[in-house]
Amino acid sequence: HYNLGNLYFDANDLRLAQLHYEIAAQVDPAFPTVYFNLALVQAINNELAAAVATLSRYQELVPEEERRNTDELLHNLKRSLTADLAVQRTAH
């Protein structure tokens, strides 16, 4: 399922990529790379809260050096999520 997710991602079919990454995460919940890829798809789909949670799960599973490599991405996702929430509040 992870490899199928990659194939669908490369083919720009994000719906099927996400589906297969989610299945892969259920099959092997300790496989960190699936969470990274799933978080990318979620971010592209503007599912920012899900992307933050998924990338946080990735960081729980990887060594500290790899966590540091994704700190900026996670920070940017959180900042975007906060900005989106602020826009939604002012729109109501």
Protein backbone atom coordinates (compact mmCIF):
# COMPACT_ATOMS: atom_id res chain seq x y z
CA HIS A 1 0.00 0.00 0.00
CA TYR A 2 2.90 2.37 0.69
CA ASN A 3 4.30 1.76 -2.80
CA LEU A 4 0.85 2.20 -4.32
CA GLY A 5 0.56 5.48 -2.46
CA ASN A 6 3.85 6.57 -3.98
CA LEU A 7 2.71 5.59 -7.47
CA TYR A 8 -0.54 7.49 -7.11
CA PHE A 9 1.31 10.49 -5.67
CA ASP A 10 3.65 10.50 -8.67
CA ALA A 11 0.61 10.28 -10.96
CA ASN A 12 -0.91 13.26 -9.08
CA ASP A 13 -3.89 11.21 -7.90
CA LEU A 14 -3.81 12.52 -4.37
CA ARG A 15 -7.09 10.91 -3.32
CA LEU A 16 -5.79 7.42 -4.01
CA ALA A 17 -2.33 8.27 -2.69
CA GLN A 18 -3.87 9.34 0.61
CA LEU A 19 -6.06 6.25 0.77
CA HIS A 20 -3.11 3.90 0.30
CA TYR A 21 -0.88 5.78 2.73
CA GLU A 22 -3.65 5.54 5.33
CA ILE A 23 -3.96 1.79 4.74
CA ALA A 24 -0.18 1.39 4.92
CA ALA A 25 -0.17 3.22 8.27
CA GLN A 26 -2.79 0.80 9.58
CA VAL A 27 -0.83 -2.21 8.32
CA ASP A 28 2.47 -1.02 9.79
CA PRO A 29 1.90 1.79 12.29
CA ALA A 30 5.63 1.91 13.14
CA PHE A 31 6.75 2.77 9.56
CA PRO A 32 7.63 6.46 9.81
CA THR A 33 7.99 7.34 6.13
CA VAL A 34 4.35 6.58 5.45
CA TYR A 35 3.39 9.31 7.92
CA PHE A 36 5.70 11.82 6.25
CA ASN A 37 4.23 11.11 2.82
CA LEU A 38 0.68 11.13 4.17
CA ALA A 39 1.32 14.49 5.84
CA LEU A 40 2.52 15.91 2.50
CA VAL A 41 -0.66 14.80 0.77
CA GLN A 42 -2.78 16.21 3.58
CA ALA A 43 -0.92 19.53 3.42
CA ILE A 44 -1.34 19.73 -0.36
CA ASN A 45 -5.06 19.04 0.14
CA ASN A 46 -5.16 21.87 2.71
CA GLU A 47 -6.02 19.42 5.50
CA LEU A 48 -3.64 21.29 7.77
CA ALA A 49 -4.79 19.94 11.15
CA ALA A 50 -4.48 16.38 9.89
CA ALA A 51 -1.08 17.15 8.35
CA VAL A 52 0.19 18.55 11.66
CA ALA A 53 -1.01 15.47 13.56
CA THR A 54 0.43 13.09 10.97
CA LEU A 55 3.80 14.85 10.82
CA SER A 56 3.90 14.85 14.63
CA ARG A 57 3.39 11.08 14.52
CA TYR A 58 6.27 10.83 12.04
CA GLN A 59 8.49 12.76 14.43
CA GLU A 60 7.62 10.37 17.27
CA LEU A 61 8.95 7.46 15.23
CA VAL A 62 12.23 8.82 13.88
CA PRO A 63 15.62 9.58 15.46
CA GLU A 64 16.27 13.10 16.74
CA GLU A 65 18.25 14.22 13.67
CA GLU A 66 15.37 13.36 11.36
CA ARG A 67 12.97 15.13 13.72
CA ARG A 68 15.05 18.27 13.42
CA ASN A 69 14.87 18.00 9.63
CA THR A 70 11.08 18.26 9.80
CA ASP A 71 10.82 20.86 12.58
CA GLU A 72 10.59 23.75 10.11
CA LEU A 73 7.95 22.01 8.02
CA LEU A 74 5.89 21.27 11.14
CA HIS A 75 6.32 24.85 12.33
CA ASN A 76 5.13 26.20 8.96
CA LEU A 77 2.12 23.88 8.93
CA LYS A 78 1.13 25.00 12.42
CA ARG A 79 1.53 28.65 11.42
CA SER A 80 -0.64 28.09 8.33
CA LEU A 81 -3.25 26.30 10.40
CA THR A 82 -3.33 29.17 12.90
CA ALA A 83 -3.70 31.69 10.07
CA ASP A 84 -6.51 29.66 8.49
CA LEU A 85 -8.35 29.44 11.80
CA ALA A 86 -8.03 33.20 12.28
CA VAL A 87 -9.45 33.83 8.81
CA GLN A 88 -12.34 31.45 9.48
CA ARG A 89 -13.17 33.20 12.76
CA THR A 90 -13.24 36.63 11.16
CA ALA A 91 -15.40 35.33 8.29
CA HIS A 92 -18.15 34.26 10.70
